[in-house]
Amino acid sequence: MIRCHLRHLEARCRERGYTLDQVRPCIVAEDGGRITVDETHPAYPRAKPGLGDMVAAGLSAVGITKERVSAALGVKDCGCTKRQEALNAIGRKLGIG
């Protein structure tokens, strides 16, 4: 359970692409401006996977992982994480994830 101000849940909803009405079922108690939220409730505003996360999951499903790419290139950091974050940012701008 999380105890916070309603405005904090509203901010979390905006940041993750939900409306307060969509997540209202996860509010278990209200006391003035403070609320108690059940973060295990299915209506809780979880982070949605971004475009980069989806690409990484798809590549991983066919065996292409950050570790394998690094090993194949003979480098410690292949840059996959930076590309994944960049795709996530592009996806957010486009409304994907």
Protein backbone atom coordinates (compact mmCIF):
# COMPACT_ATOMS: atom_id res chain seq x y z
CA MET A 1 0.00 0.00 0.00
CA ILE A 2 1.11 3.52 -0.78
CA ARG A 3 -0.05 6.59 1.12
CA CYS A 4 0.26 9.87 -0.79
CA HIS A 5 -1.56 13.00 -1.89
CA LEU A 6 -4.09 12.64 -4.68
CA ARG A 7 -2.06 15.10 -6.81
CA HIS A 8 0.88 12.65 -6.76
CA LEU A 9 -1.30 9.84 -8.17
CA GLU A 10 -2.65 12.26 -10.78
CA ALA A 11 0.93 13.12 -11.81
CA ARG A 12 1.84 9.41 -12.03
CA CYS A 13 -1.23 8.85 -14.21
CA ARG A 14 -0.27 11.66 -16.63
CA GLU A 15 3.33 10.47 -16.79
CA ARG A 16 2.25 6.92 -17.66
CA GLY A 17 -0.63 7.73 -20.00
CA TYR A 18 -3.61 6.97 -17.76
CA THR A 19 -6.55 9.03 -16.54
CA LEU A 20 -7.47 9.26 -12.87
CA ASP A 21 -10.83 7.64 -13.66
CA GLN A 22 -9.02 4.58 -15.08
CA VAL A 23 -6.98 4.04 -11.91
CA ARG A 24 -9.57 5.08 -9.31
CA PRO A 25 -10.32 1.41 -8.44
CA CYS A 26 -6.83 1.07 -6.92
CA ILE A 27 -7.61 3.79 -4.33
CA VAL A 28 -8.65 1.95 -1.17
CA ALA A 29 -9.07 4.91 1.20
CA GLU A 30 -9.35 8.70 1.04
CA ASP A 31 -8.72 11.08 3.92
CA GLY A 32 -8.98 14.67 2.76
CA GLY A 33 -6.31 15.19 0.12
CA ARG A 34 -4.39 12.05 1.15
CA ILE A 35 -5.15 8.64 -0.29
CA THR A 36 -4.11 5.04 0.23
CA VAL A 37 -3.36 3.22 -3.02
CA ASP A 38 -3.05 -0.54 -3.56
CA GLU A 39 -0.11 -0.75 -5.98
CA THR A 40 -0.81 -4.46 -6.55
CA HIS A 41 -4.32 -3.72 -7.90
CA PRO A 42 -4.68 -4.31 -11.66
CA ALA A 43 -5.86 -0.70 -12.13
CA TYR A 44 -2.63 0.78 -10.69
CA PRO A 45 -0.86 2.91 -13.37
CA ARG A 46 2.11 0.76 -14.30
CA ALA A 47 4.73 1.94 -16.73
CA LYS A 48 3.92 0.83 -20.24
CA PRO A 49 6.75 -0.65 -22.28
CA GLY A 50 8.29 1.86 -24.66
CA LEU A 51 9.15 1.38 -28.32
CA GLY A 52 12.77 0.53 -27.46
CA ASP A 53 11.61 -1.97 -24.84
CA MET A 54 9.39 -3.68 -27.40
CA VAL A 55 12.21 -3.84 -29.98
CA ALA A 56 14.60 -5.27 -27.34
CA ALA A 57 12.03 -7.90 -26.32
CA GLY A 58 11.45 -8.88 -29.96
CA LEU A 59 15.17 -9.20 -30.67
CA SER A 60 15.69 -11.15 -27.45
CA ALA A 61 12.91 -13.55 -28.47
CA VAL A 62 14.97 -14.54 -31.53
CA GLY A 63 18.22 -14.76 -29.57
CA ILE A 64 19.70 -11.32 -30.18
CA THR A 65 20.64 -9.97 -26.76
CA LYS A 66 22.85 -7.11 -25.58
CA GLU A 67 25.33 -9.65 -24.24
CA ARG A 68 25.54 -11.53 -27.54
CA VAL A 69 25.95 -8.34 -29.56
CA SER A 70 28.73 -7.16 -27.23
CA ALA A 71 30.48 -10.53 -27.47
CA ALA A 72 30.16 -10.62 -31.27
CA LEU A 73 31.61 -7.12 -31.58
CA GLY A 74 34.26 -7.79 -28.97
CA VAL A 75 33.30 -4.74 -26.93
CA LYS A 76 32.15 -4.22 -23.35
CA ASP A 77 29.27 -1.88 -24.28
CA CYS A 78 27.62 -2.33 -27.66
CA GLY A 79 25.44 0.78 -27.29
CA CYS A 80 22.20 -1.21 -27.25
CA THR A 81 21.01 0.42 -24.02
CA LYS A 82 21.46 3.93 -25.44
CA ARG A 83 19.60 2.95 -28.62
CA GLN A 84 16.81 1.38 -26.56
CA GLU A 85 16.45 4.59 -24.51
CA ALA A 86 16.49 6.71 -27.68
CA LEU A 87 13.74 4.58 -29.22
CA ASN A 88 11.73 4.86 -26.01
CA ALA A 89 12.02 8.68 -26.20
CA ILE A 90 10.98 8.71 -29.86
CA GLY A 91 8.08 6.40 -29.06
CA ARG A 92 6.87 8.69 -26.26
CA LYS A 93 6.88 11.63 -28.67
CA LEU A 94 4.85 9.57 -31.15
CA GLY A 95 2.49 8.29 -28.43
CA ILE A 96 3.80 4.70 -28.57
CA GLY A 97 4.31 3.28 -25.10
